[in-house]
Amino acid sequence: MSDFDISAPVGDKKRITKPDPKKKNEKFKPVSNKPEDITKVQIMLIANGFTVPVNGKLSGSLISAIKSFQKSACGFAKPDGIVDPGKRTWKAGLPKYKAKLAADQKAIANMVVVKEKGKEKYVDRKEFEREQARLKHAVLSKANMMLGQAETWLKFCQDAEKTMQGADGFMMSLVEFSVRVSNSSAEPPYGPLTDARSEASLLKVLVDRSAPDWTKIHKQDGKATKAYNKGVKAFQKFIDARIGTAGTIVGRLEVVREVSFTAVEAYATARFIAQGKSPAVAHAMAAAGTEALKTGAGEVGEYLAGNNVSWEKSGKKIFINTLFAGIAGGVGGKMGAAFKGKLHMKLSLKLAPYFKSPAAKKALNVVCNKIMDSGAMQDLVTNAAKETVGLFKKVVESGKVPSQKDFEDAVIKSVLGSALSLAPVKNMTKFSDGADDAVVTFINTKLAPSAMKKIQGDFVKRYGKDKMAEVLKKNPDFYTDLAGQLSDGVKNKAIEVYVMQGVDGARDNTPPAGMDKLGADALRRDAALRKQIEEMIEKELENRVKKK
């Protein structure tokens, strides 16, 4: 039996209708009222505009609905309240019944089964996908926030370790040593911070998929949140210990005055980072506040020593020193987008004459990006900013206030004067200058012999081993300047691939030899270039065989 028919009559068991005498042998089946048949009749009636429950149960209201349908749709004068398989009542309701089934199936196809409080329910697929996208965005944003914060904590701890090793000079190393000796709680809490980063990273991986497993995500979200909260407490405790210890050092004068204030600035920066400030803002606020403290203490010392000190002069001095310390600290924290863009443009113009070949010129933008992001450039900008601050102090003290543009232009001018001495600039310039010769050499000594091995078997099949040996013996310099036979377009493309890959894959301290390896690996993977070389070798071998 199909979905479009019933197996037995449904309705009033007291049949009042008699068989049609014109139809010989017409007999009615007994009214069975099977639940599955009743359900189909109920759906058929609903499709035709009647309101009945769909429960597979016969009731007086269902029989009344069948009679009403027989009157309106079939024109029965005396409806019997029975739906017979394949008869007039069923056939009259069948078209809309089929249409309803088709619509229901389409609706079901556009539904998704979800579990809510342990129970399954259907929801619209589009609505489900919208909610999925919203939820995915929210959880991914949360994962990125926790991961970014954990990485900031760890970066600060790693910087502290570098400082301990003398990376920031003897004075800062002494500060770090003094703080740790004074308070064991000032040691970096790597355990909880690493756990926070690891759990947040795993949460991000689970969410950032085309078909996320929300059961796993929900479980991991709880773990990541718990680890993050532990990280927050651990880092805050760590910073509180260091700030308190730095203050104790200053109060007890356990180290020289300059080191004391350096300690305050270093750990004030950490405090601001712990409160969610960006590195640039943290550096600026810490530098300005420490300078105000230092200059104010100096003026009090002058007063106590009996020197001529006035409120006006002291206030002006404290203001100027604080202002410029904040500016220098902000630039030292991180280059802003506008300043970075201006410096990038000026640096490109500065380096352009040193990048002569077409491939090198195309790589110039990538080179500048690499240099701008390098630690060497950041240090250069920081030092230039501090030097510029020193120069401008005299100008401000005379009553003139330089604009932000004046300050930035002065810093850029100072940076560009030293840019060519930066290790990344030297390395990338040297690498780009030697690119043309390096590519030619690589093709002749690596790619061409490799291509020869690939096509040698086919050549031997056609001409024999002796002929192959004869050709190579009479032409010992077969590979010499093979790259010179490539078209200019192909060769320039090879040089461009070599330069771009070498520069793009390089780090701050990658030497020219390291960039050469990156570029050579890219050429080795270049299928189009290998094919060109193979075709050239085949053609050249053919020519030399024919000449003999």
Protein backbone atom coordinates (compact mmCIF):
# COMPACT_ATOMS: atom_id res chain seq x y z
CA MET A 1 0.00 0.00 0.00
CA SER A 2 1.31 3.45 -0.94
CA ASP A 3 1.22 6.64 1.13
CA PHE A 4 -1.59 7.81 -1.18
CA ASP A 5 -4.17 5.16 -0.22
CA ILE A 6 -5.77 3.55 2.84
CA SER A 7 -5.95 -0.21 3.45
CA ALA A 8 -9.56 -0.37 4.74
CA PRO A 9 -12.61 1.87 5.30
CA VAL A 10 -12.51 4.54 8.00
CA GLY A 11 -15.53 6.10 9.73
CA ASP A 12 -19.01 5.17 10.98
CA LYS A 13 -19.36 1.40 11.42
CA LYS A 14 -23.12 1.69 10.87
CA ARG A 15 -23.02 1.93 7.12
CA ILE A 16 -26.23 3.37 5.62
CA THR A 17 -25.02 3.28 2.03
CA LYS A 18 -26.03 0.39 -0.22
CA PRO A 19 -24.00 -0.96 -3.16
CA ASP A 20 -24.84 0.63 -6.52
CA PRO A 21 -27.05 -1.84 -8.42
CA LYS A 22 -25.62 -0.61 -11.71
CA LYS A 23 -22.21 -1.85 -10.63
CA LYS A 24 -22.26 -5.60 -10.59
CA ASN A 25 -20.51 -7.40 -7.77
CA GLU A 26 -19.89 -4.11 -5.86
CA LYS A 27 -19.26 -4.89 -2.21
CA PHE A 28 -18.06 -2.71 0.66
CA LYS A 29 -15.27 -3.88 2.94
CA PRO A 30 -15.98 -3.83 6.67
CA VAL A 31 -15.08 -0.55 8.42
CA SER A 32 -11.82 -1.39 10.24
CA ASN A 33 -10.69 2.01 11.54
CA LYS A 34 -7.02 1.06 11.67
CA PRO A 35 -4.96 3.77 13.41
CA GLU A 36 -2.62 4.28 10.42
CA ASP A 37 -5.63 4.66 8.07
CA ILE A 38 -7.40 7.04 10.49
CA THR A 39 -4.23 9.18 10.57
CA LYS A 40 -4.20 9.44 6.76
CA VAL A 41 -7.87 10.43 6.69
CA GLN A 42 -7.25 13.07 9.37
CA ILE A 43 -4.35 14.53 7.33
CA MET A 44 -6.51 14.44 4.17
CA LEU A 45 -9.27 16.40 5.93
CA ILE A 46 -6.78 18.96 7.26
CA ALA A 47 -5.40 19.38 3.72
CA ASN A 48 -8.94 20.15 2.57
CA GLY A 49 -9.59 22.82 5.19
CA PHE A 50 -11.00 20.90 8.18
CA THR A 51 -9.70 21.19 11.71
CA VAL A 52 -9.21 17.78 13.27
CA PRO A 53 -6.52 16.32 15.52
CA VAL A 54 -3.96 13.94 14.04
CA ASN A 55 -3.88 11.12 16.59
CA GLY A 56 -5.00 7.93 14.77
CA LYS A 57 -8.21 7.74 16.89
CA LEU A 58 -11.80 7.65 15.69
CA SER A 59 -14.26 10.08 17.28
CA GLY A 60 -17.71 11.47 16.67
CA SER A 61 -16.21 14.80 15.59
CA LEU A 62 -14.07 12.98 12.97
CA ILE A 63 -17.16 11.22 11.55
CA SER A 64 -18.98 14.60 11.43
CA ALA A 65 -16.00 16.12 9.57
CA ILE A 66 -16.08 13.26 7.03
CA LYS A 67 -19.83 13.84 6.45
CA SER A 68 -19.28 17.60 6.01
CA PHE A 69 -16.51 16.91 3.49
CA GLN A 70 -18.76 14.44 1.58
CA LYS A 71 -21.45 17.10 1.31
CA SER A 72 -19.15 19.94 0.17
CA ALA A 73 -16.67 18.05 -1.98
CA CYS A 74 -18.68 15.06 -3.27
CA GLY A 75 -22.24 16.42 -3.28
CA PHE A 76 -23.65 13.53 -1.24
CA ALA A 77 -27.30 14.10 -0.28
CA LYS A 78 -27.03 11.54 2.52
CA PRO A 79 -23.35 11.27 3.53
CA ASP A 80 -22.50 8.08 5.39
CA GLY A 81 -19.40 9.33 7.25
CA ILE A 82 -17.17 6.60 5.78
CA VAL A 83 -14.02 6.93 3.64
CA ASP A 84 -13.58 3.83 1.45
CA PRO A 85 -10.22 2.99 -0.19
CA GLY A 86 -10.14 4.27 -3.79
CA LYS A 87 -13.80 5.49 -3.70
CA ARG A 88 -15.30 8.94 -4.28
CA THR A 89 -14.64 10.43 -0.84
CA TRP A 90 -10.98 9.43 -0.81
CA LYS A 91 -10.44 10.45 -4.45
CA ALA A 92 -12.03 13.87 -3.82
CA GLY A 93 -9.59 14.62 -1.02
CA LEU A 94 -6.54 12.98 -2.62
CA PRO A 95 -5.10 15.93 -4.69
CA LYS A 96 -4.77 18.26 -1.71
CA TYR A 97 -3.64 15.35 0.48
CA LYS A 98 -0.76 14.68 -1.96
CA ALA A 99 0.09 18.38 -2.09
CA LYS A 100 0.19 18.55 1.71
CA LEU A 101 2.46 15.50 1.95
CA ALA A 102 4.83 17.04 -0.60
CA ALA A 103 4.85 20.36 1.28
CA ASP A 104 5.41 18.58 4.59
CA GLN A 105 8.30 16.58 3.14
CA LYS A 106 9.86 19.79 1.78
CA ALA A 107 9.42 21.47 5.16
CA ILE A 108 11.00 18.48 6.91
CA ALA A 109 13.91 18.62 4.46
CA ASN A 110 14.42 22.22 5.56
CA MET A 111 14.33 21.33 9.24
CA VAL A 112 17.12 20.26 11.57
CA VAL A 113 16.75 18.04 14.62
CA VAL A 114 18.32 19.60 17.71
CA LYS A 115 18.42 18.58 21.34
CA GLU A 116 17.15 21.03 23.95
CA LYS A 117 17.10 20.03 27.61
CA GLY A 118 17.50 16.39 26.63
CA LYS A 119 14.58 16.42 24.16
CA GLU A 120 14.71 16.45 20.36
CA LYS A 121 12.82 19.07 18.38
CA TYR A 122 12.67 20.36 14.79
CA VAL A 123 13.81 23.88 13.94
CA ASP A 124 13.98 25.71 10.61
CA ARG A 125 17.31 25.03 8.85
CA LYS A 126 17.93 28.69 7.90
CA GLU A 127 17.18 29.85 11.42
CA PHE A 128 19.42 27.10 12.75
CA GLU A 129 22.26 28.17 10.44
CA ARG A 130 21.85 31.84 11.46
CA GLU A 131 21.98 30.86 15.12
CA GLN A 132 24.98 28.61 14.43
CA ALA A 133 26.82 31.50 12.74
CA ARG A 134 25.98 33.88 15.60
CA LEU A 135 27.08 31.38 18.22
CA LYS A 136 30.22 30.49 16.27
CA HIS A 137 31.17 34.19 16.03
CA ALA A 138 30.57 34.72 19.74
CA VAL A 139 32.58 31.69 20.88
CA LEU A 140 35.37 32.37 18.37
CA SER A 141 35.62 35.97 19.60
CA LYS A 142 35.82 34.72 23.16
CA ALA A 143 38.51 32.16 22.21
CA ASN A 144 40.54 34.84 20.39
CA MET A 145 40.24 37.18 23.37
CA MET A 146 41.45 34.55 25.85
CA LEU A 147 44.22 33.38 23.50
CA GLY A 148 45.41 36.94 22.82
CA GLN A 149 45.43 37.79 26.52
CA ALA A 150 47.35 34.61 27.39
CA GLU A 151 49.91 35.34 24.68
CA THR A 152 50.32 38.91 26.01
CA TRP A 153 50.97 37.53 29.51
CA LEU A 154 53.52 35.04 28.22
CA LYS A 155 55.20 37.67 26.04
CA PHE A 156 55.69 39.87 29.10
CA CYS A 157 57.14 36.94 31.05
CA GLN A 158 59.46 36.05 28.16
CA ASP A 159 60.58 39.66 27.92
CA ALA A 160 61.31 39.57 31.65
CA GLU A 161 63.51 36.50 31.09
CA LYS A 162 65.38 38.31 28.30
CA THR A 163 65.82 41.30 30.58
CA MET A 164 67.23 39.01 33.25
CA GLN A 165 69.79 37.82 30.71
CA GLY A 166 70.87 41.40 29.96
CA ALA A 167 69.01 41.94 26.68
CA ASP A 168 67.86 45.42 27.80
CA GLY A 169 71.13 46.50 29.37
CA PHE A 170 72.81 46.17 32.75
CA MET A 171 70.46 48.54 34.60
CA MET A 172 67.29 46.65 33.64
CA SER A 173 68.99 43.31 34.33
CA LEU A 174 69.85 44.59 37.80
CA VAL A 175 66.22 45.64 38.35
CA GLU A 176 64.93 42.21 37.33
CA PHE A 177 67.46 40.46 39.54
CA SER A 178 66.70 42.73 42.51
CA VAL A 179 62.94 42.19 42.26
CA ARG A 180 63.21 38.40 42.06
CA VAL A 181 65.67 38.18 44.92
CA SER A 182 63.43 40.38 47.07
CA ASN A 183 60.24 38.36 46.38
CA SER A 184 59.96 34.76 45.15
CA SER A 185 56.36 35.43 44.05
CA ALA A 186 57.78 37.74 41.36
CA GLU A 187 58.83 34.68 39.31
CA PRO A 188 56.77 34.28 36.09
CA PRO A 189 53.83 31.81 36.60
CA TYR A 190 54.40 29.93 33.34
CA GLY A 191 52.23 26.91 34.29
CA PRO A 192 48.76 28.54 34.49
CA LEU A 193 49.58 31.01 31.71
CA THR A 194 50.64 28.24 29.32
CA ASP A 195 47.54 26.21 30.25
CA ALA A 196 45.32 29.23 29.50
CA ARG A 197 46.92 29.66 26.08
CA SER A 198 46.71 25.94 25.27
CA GLU A 199 43.03 25.55 26.24
CA ALA A 200 42.01 28.75 24.41
CA SER A 201 43.92 27.63 21.32
CA LEU A 202 42.13 24.25 21.32
CA LEU A 203 38.76 25.99 21.71
CA LYS A 204 39.56 28.18 18.71
CA VAL A 205 40.49 25.12 16.60
CA LEU A 206 37.25 23.33 17.51
CA VAL A 207 35.06 26.36 16.70
CA ASP A 208 36.82 27.49 13.53
CA ARG A 209 35.51 24.61 11.39
CA SER A 210 32.87 24.31 8.69
CA ALA A 211 30.87 21.82 10.81
CA PRO A 212 31.67 22.43 14.50
CA ASP A 213 30.97 19.69 17.05
CA TRP A 214 29.07 21.72 19.64
CA THR A 215 29.17 18.98 22.26
CA LYS A 216 32.96 19.09 22.21
CA ILE A 217 32.96 22.89 21.99
CA HIS A 218 30.70 23.26 25.03
CA LYS A 219 32.98 20.99 27.06
CA GLN A 220 36.14 22.76 25.86
CA ASP A 221 34.60 26.20 26.47
CA GLY A 222 34.24 25.29 30.13
CA LYS A 223 37.84 24.07 30.36
CA ALA A 224 39.21 27.12 28.50
CA THR A 225 37.22 29.56 30.66
CA LYS A 226 38.40 27.86 33.85
CA ALA A 227 42.04 27.91 32.67
CA TYR A 228 41.72 31.56 31.60
CA ASN A 229 40.34 32.62 35.00
CA LYS A 230 43.24 30.83 36.72
CA GLY A 231 45.62 32.65 34.35
CA VAL A 232 44.05 36.02 35.23
CA LYS A 233 44.53 35.38 38.95
CA ALA A 234 48.07 34.04 38.51
CA PHE A 235 49.22 36.96 36.37
CA GLN A 236 47.55 39.53 38.64
CA LYS A 237 49.26 37.96 41.68
CA PHE A 238 52.55 37.96 39.76
CA ILE A 239 52.19 41.66 38.82
CA ASP A 240 51.05 42.66 42.34
CA ALA A 241 54.15 40.98 43.78
CA ARG A 242 56.45 42.77 41.33
CA ILE A 243 54.82 46.19 41.74
CA GLY A 244 54.94 45.90 45.53
CA THR A 245 58.53 44.76 45.43
CA ALA A 246 59.52 47.59 43.07
CA GLY A 247 57.90 50.08 45.46
CA THR A 248 59.81 48.55 48.38
CA ILE A 249 63.06 48.87 46.46
CA VAL A 250 62.42 52.58 45.89
CA GLY A 251 61.28 53.19 49.49
CA ARG A 252 64.29 51.50 51.06
CA LEU A 253 66.73 52.80 48.43
CA GLU A 254 68.12 49.27 48.06
CA VAL A 255 69.48 50.17 44.62
CA VAL A 256 70.61 53.43 43.10
CA ARG A 257 68.02 56.13 42.40
CA GLU A 258 67.87 55.65 38.59
CA VAL A 259 67.42 51.89 38.92
CA SER A 260 64.63 52.43 41.45
CA PHE A 261 62.61 54.55 39.05
CA THR A 262 63.39 52.17 36.19
CA ALA A 263 61.85 49.39 38.29
CA VAL A 264 58.71 51.44 38.87
CA GLU A 265 58.33 52.18 35.14
CA ALA A 266 58.90 48.56 34.09
CA TYR A 267 56.34 47.12 36.48
CA ALA A 268 53.85 49.95 36.08
CA THR A 269 53.84 49.02 32.39
CA ALA A 270 53.05 45.44 33.35
CA ARG A 271 50.25 46.63 35.64
CA PHE A 272 48.59 48.55 32.81
CA ILE A 273 48.91 45.56 30.46
CA ALA A 274 47.30 43.36 33.12
CA GLN A 275 44.38 45.82 33.20
CA GLY A 276 43.86 45.36 29.45
CA LYS A 277 45.73 48.42 28.14
CA SER A 278 47.51 48.11 24.78
CA PRO A 279 51.34 48.00 24.90
CA ALA A 280 51.53 51.53 23.44
CA VAL A 281 49.17 53.04 26.02
CA ALA A 282 50.79 51.06 28.85
CA HIS A 283 54.27 52.30 27.95
CA ALA A 284 53.10 55.92 27.60
CA MET A 285 51.22 55.99 30.92
CA ALA A 286 54.01 54.27 32.84
CA ALA A 287 56.74 56.47 31.35
CA ALA A 288 54.81 59.69 31.99
CA GLY A 289 53.87 58.76 35.56
CA THR A 290 57.38 57.64 36.49
CA GLU A 291 58.93 60.77 34.99
CA ALA A 292 56.55 62.95 37.02
CA LEU A 293 57.54 61.03 40.17
CA LYS A 294 61.24 61.27 39.36
CA THR A 295 61.22 64.98 38.42
CA GLY A 296 59.04 65.85 41.40
CA ALA A 297 61.40 64.01 43.76
CA GLY A 298 64.32 65.89 42.20
CA GLU A 299 62.66 69.28 42.74
CA VAL A 300 61.93 68.41 46.39
CA GLY A 301 65.59 67.46 46.78
CA GLU A 302 66.62 70.82 45.32
CA TYR A 303 64.34 72.61 47.78
CA LEU A 304 65.64 70.65 50.79
CA ALA A 305 69.20 71.41 49.70
CA GLY A 306 68.40 75.12 49.98
CA ASN A 307 68.61 75.85 46.26
CA ASN A 308 66.42 78.47 44.58
CA VAL A 309 63.20 76.63 43.62
CA SER A 310 59.88 78.26 42.62
CA TRP A 311 56.48 76.68 42.10
CA GLU A 312 56.29 78.06 38.56
CA LYS A 313 59.68 76.70 37.47
CA SER A 314 59.19 73.32 39.17
CA GLY A 315 55.68 72.90 37.75
CA LYS A 316 56.89 73.75 34.26
CA LYS A 317 59.80 71.34 34.51
CA ILE A 318 57.62 68.49 35.81
CA PHE A 319 55.04 69.13 33.06
CA ILE A 320 57.59 69.18 30.23
CA ASN A 321 59.46 66.09 31.42
CA THR A 322 56.21 64.18 31.97
CA LEU A 323 54.83 65.18 28.56
CA PHE A 324 57.87 64.02 26.63
CA ALA A 325 58.38 60.88 28.66
CA GLY A 326 54.83 59.90 27.77
CA ILE A 327 55.39 60.59 24.07
CA ALA A 328 58.63 58.60 24.01
CA GLY A 329 57.07 55.77 26.00
CA GLY A 330 54.11 55.57 23.61
CA VAL A 331 56.31 55.35 20.53
CA GLY A 332 58.50 52.85 22.32
CA GLY A 333 55.49 50.66 23.07
CA LYS A 334 54.31 50.16 19.50
CA MET A 335 54.17 52.19 16.31
CA GLY A 336 50.68 53.53 15.58
CA ALA A 337 49.02 52.73 12.24
CA ALA A 338 49.27 56.28 10.83
CA PHE A 339 52.88 56.73 11.90
CA LYS A 340 53.77 53.26 10.61
CA GLY A 341 52.16 53.99 7.23
CA LYS A 342 54.09 57.25 6.85
CA LEU A 343 57.37 55.59 7.83
CA HIS A 344 56.69 52.68 5.45
CA MET A 345 56.25 55.05 2.50
CA LYS A 346 59.43 56.99 3.33
CA LEU A 347 61.38 53.75 3.84
CA SER A 348 60.24 52.44 0.43
CA LEU A 349 61.55 55.58 -1.27
CA LYS A 350 64.80 55.31 0.70
CA LEU A 351 65.40 51.67 -0.30
CA ALA A 352 64.15 51.87 -3.92
CA PRO A 353 67.58 52.76 -5.44
CA TYR A 354 69.09 49.66 -3.82
CA PHE A 355 66.55 47.27 -5.38
CA LYS A 356 67.44 47.48 -9.06
CA SER A 357 66.10 44.40 -10.89
CA PRO A 358 62.38 44.15 -11.83
CA ALA A 359 61.95 41.23 -9.43
CA ALA A 360 63.61 43.10 -6.59
CA LYS A 361 61.41 46.15 -7.20
CA LYS A 362 58.30 43.96 -6.99
CA ALA A 363 59.55 42.55 -3.69
CA LEU A 364 60.23 46.00 -2.22
CA ASN A 365 56.82 46.29 -0.52
CA VAL A 366 57.22 42.87 1.13
CA VAL A 367 60.76 43.81 2.20
CA CYS A 368 59.52 47.03 3.80
CA ASN A 369 56.75 45.16 5.64
CA LYS A 370 59.31 42.72 7.02
CA ILE A 371 61.63 45.50 8.11
CA MET A 372 58.80 47.50 9.69
CA ASP A 373 57.75 44.47 11.77
CA SER A 374 61.28 43.60 12.86
CA GLY A 375 62.55 44.09 16.38
CA ALA A 376 65.52 46.01 15.00
CA MET A 377 63.22 48.64 13.46
CA GLN A 378 61.14 48.90 16.63
CA ASP A 379 64.29 49.51 18.67
CA LEU A 380 65.49 52.08 16.14
CA VAL A 381 62.15 53.95 16.30
CA THR A 382 62.17 53.88 20.10
CA ASN A 383 65.69 55.29 20.32
CA ALA A 384 64.96 57.89 17.64
CA ALA A 385 61.84 58.99 19.55
CA LYS A 386 63.79 59.40 22.75
CA GLU A 387 66.52 61.39 20.98
CA THR A 388 63.89 63.60 19.35
CA VAL A 389 62.22 64.19 22.71
CA GLY A 390 65.56 65.37 24.07
CA LEU A 391 65.96 67.83 21.18
CA PHE A 392 62.40 69.17 21.45
CA LYS A 393 62.62 69.75 25.19
CA LYS A 394 64.74 72.83 24.60
CA VAL A 395 62.21 74.10 22.04
CA VAL A 396 59.29 73.66 24.46
CA GLU A 397 61.18 75.28 27.32
CA SER A 398 61.61 78.34 25.13
CA GLY A 399 57.84 78.62 24.76
CA LYS A 400 57.26 76.86 21.39
CA VAL A 401 55.19 73.67 21.22
CA PRO A 402 55.93 71.37 18.23
CA SER A 403 53.00 69.70 16.48
CA GLN A 404 52.50 65.94 16.25
CA LYS A 405 53.60 66.15 12.61
CA ASP A 406 56.82 67.95 13.60
CA PHE A 407 57.59 65.25 16.12
CA GLU A 408 56.81 62.34 13.73
CA ASP A 409 58.78 63.91 10.86
CA ALA A 410 61.78 64.37 13.14
CA VAL A 411 61.61 60.73 14.29
CA ILE A 412 61.27 59.46 10.68
CA LYS A 413 64.23 61.57 9.56
CA SER A 414 66.34 60.12 12.36
CA VAL A 415 65.21 56.55 11.57
CA LEU A 416 65.90 56.83 7.84
CA GLY A 417 69.38 58.10 8.58
CA SER A 418 70.21 54.78 10.23
CA ALA A 419 67.91 52.42 8.31
CA LEU A 420 70.57 51.13 5.92
CA SER A 421 72.65 49.92 8.86
CA LEU A 422 69.88 47.60 10.11
CA ALA A 423 70.71 43.91 9.76
CA PRO A 424 67.38 43.02 8.02
CA VAL A 425 67.98 45.79 5.44
CA LYS A 426 71.54 44.66 4.79
CA ASN A 427 70.53 41.02 4.45
CA MET A 428 67.59 41.65 2.11
CA THR A 429 69.50 44.13 -0.03
CA LYS A 430 72.39 41.72 -0.47
CA PHE A 431 70.02 38.86 -1.26
CA SER A 432 68.08 40.87 -3.87
CA ASP A 433 71.24 42.19 -5.52
CA GLY A 434 72.55 38.67 -6.14
CA ALA A 435 69.21 37.20 -7.23
CA ASP A 436 69.81 37.22 -11.02
CA ASP A 437 73.14 35.36 -10.81
CA ALA A 438 71.85 32.98 -8.14
CA VAL A 439 68.86 31.94 -10.28
CA VAL A 440 71.02 31.35 -13.39
CA THR A 441 73.47 29.27 -11.35
CA PHE A 442 70.70 27.26 -9.74
CA ILE A 443 69.07 26.46 -13.08
CA ASN A 444 72.36 25.39 -14.67
CA THR A 445 73.67 23.34 -11.76
CA LYS A 446 70.49 21.95 -10.17
CA LEU A 447 67.35 22.13 -12.28
CA ALA A 448 68.95 21.32 -15.66
CA PRO A 449 70.83 18.16 -14.47
CA SER A 450 67.69 17.02 -12.67
CA ALA A 451 65.64 17.53 -15.85
CA MET A 452 68.30 15.61 -17.85
CA LYS A 453 67.92 12.58 -15.57
CA LYS A 454 64.18 12.64 -16.09
CA ILE A 455 64.31 12.69 -19.91
CA GLN A 456 67.48 10.59 -20.31
CA GLY A 457 65.56 7.29 -20.27
CA ASP A 458 63.34 8.31 -23.16
CA PHE A 459 66.33 9.60 -25.14
CA VAL A 460 68.25 6.32 -24.62
CA LYS A 461 65.24 4.31 -25.83
CA ARG A 462 65.21 6.27 -29.07
CA TYR A 463 68.93 6.55 -29.79
CA GLY A 464 70.70 4.08 -27.47
CA LYS A 465 73.15 4.49 -24.57
CA ASP A 466 76.16 4.90 -26.86
CA LYS A 467 74.66 7.87 -28.67
CA MET A 468 73.76 9.48 -25.35
CA ALA A 469 77.27 9.00 -24.00
CA GLU A 470 78.75 10.35 -27.27
CA VAL A 471 76.68 13.52 -27.14
CA LEU A 472 77.58 14.25 -23.51
CA LYS A 473 81.27 13.44 -24.10
CA LYS A 474 81.52 15.83 -27.04
CA ASN A 475 79.55 18.50 -25.16
CA PRO A 476 81.03 18.65 -21.61
CA ASP A 477 79.65 22.17 -21.13
CA PHE A 478 76.15 21.15 -22.11
CA TYR A 479 74.56 22.89 -19.10
CA THR A 480 76.65 26.06 -19.23
CA ASP A 481 74.45 29.13 -19.57
CA LEU A 482 71.40 26.97 -20.25
CA ALA A 483 69.39 29.53 -18.27
CA GLY A 484 70.46 32.14 -20.81
CA GLN A 485 68.46 30.31 -23.47
CA LEU A 486 65.22 30.77 -21.53
CA SER A 487 62.97 33.55 -22.77
CA ASP A 488 63.22 36.82 -20.85
CA GLY A 489 59.68 36.37 -19.61
CA VAL A 490 60.33 32.91 -18.18
CA LYS A 491 63.66 33.90 -16.64
CA ASN A 492 62.24 37.07 -15.08
CA LYS A 493 59.35 35.03 -13.68
CA ALA A 494 61.84 32.56 -12.16
CA ILE A 495 63.81 35.41 -10.58
CA GLU A 496 60.59 36.93 -9.24
CA VAL A 497 59.54 33.61 -7.65
CA TYR A 498 63.01 33.22 -6.14
CA VAL A 499 63.09 36.74 -4.67
CA MET A 500 59.50 36.86 -3.42
CA GLN A 501 59.68 33.49 -1.67
CA GLY A 502 63.10 34.25 -0.20
CA VAL A 503 61.97 37.60 1.20
CA ASP A 504 58.49 36.48 2.29
CA GLY A 505 59.78 33.50 4.26
CA ALA A 506 62.63 35.40 5.92
CA ARG A 507 62.70 36.47 9.56
CA ASP A 508 64.46 39.37 11.28
CA ASN A 509 67.79 37.61 11.46
CA THR A 510 67.65 35.40 8.35
CA PRO A 511 70.99 35.80 6.47
CA PRO A 512 71.20 35.98 2.64
CA ALA A 513 72.14 32.27 2.55
CA GLY A 514 68.92 31.41 4.38
CA MET A 515 66.84 33.47 1.95
CA ASP A 516 68.68 31.80 -0.94
CA LYS A 517 67.55 28.40 0.34
CA LEU A 518 63.94 29.58 0.59
CA GLY A 519 64.07 30.97 -2.98
CA ALA A 520 65.77 27.84 -4.37
CA ASP A 521 63.14 25.59 -2.77
CA ALA A 522 60.43 27.65 -4.46
CA LEU A 523 62.15 27.23 -7.87
CA ARG A 524 62.48 23.50 -7.27
CA ARG A 525 58.70 23.32 -6.76
CA ASP A 526 57.92 25.43 -9.87
CA ALA A 527 56.42 22.84 -12.27
CA ALA A 528 56.09 25.29 -15.20
CA LEU A 529 59.78 26.23 -15.01
CA ARG A 530 60.86 22.57 -14.85
CA LYS A 531 58.77 21.78 -17.91
CA GLN A 532 60.34 24.66 -19.87
CA ILE A 533 63.83 23.41 -19.03
CA GLU A 534 62.94 19.82 -19.96
CA GLU A 535 61.61 20.95 -23.35
CA MET A 536 64.78 22.99 -23.97
CA ILE A 537 67.05 20.05 -23.14
CA GLU A 538 65.09 17.66 -25.35
CA LYS A 539 65.24 20.10 -28.25
CA GLU A 540 68.97 20.73 -27.75
CA LEU A 541 69.75 17.00 -27.58
CA GLU A 542 67.78 16.40 -30.78
CA ASN A 543 69.70 19.17 -32.56
CA ARG A 544 73.08 17.80 -31.50
CA VAL A 545 72.20 14.24 -32.55
CA LYS A 546 71.10 15.44 -35.99
CA LYS A 547 74.33 17.42 -36.41
CA LYS A 548 76.34 14.23 -35.94
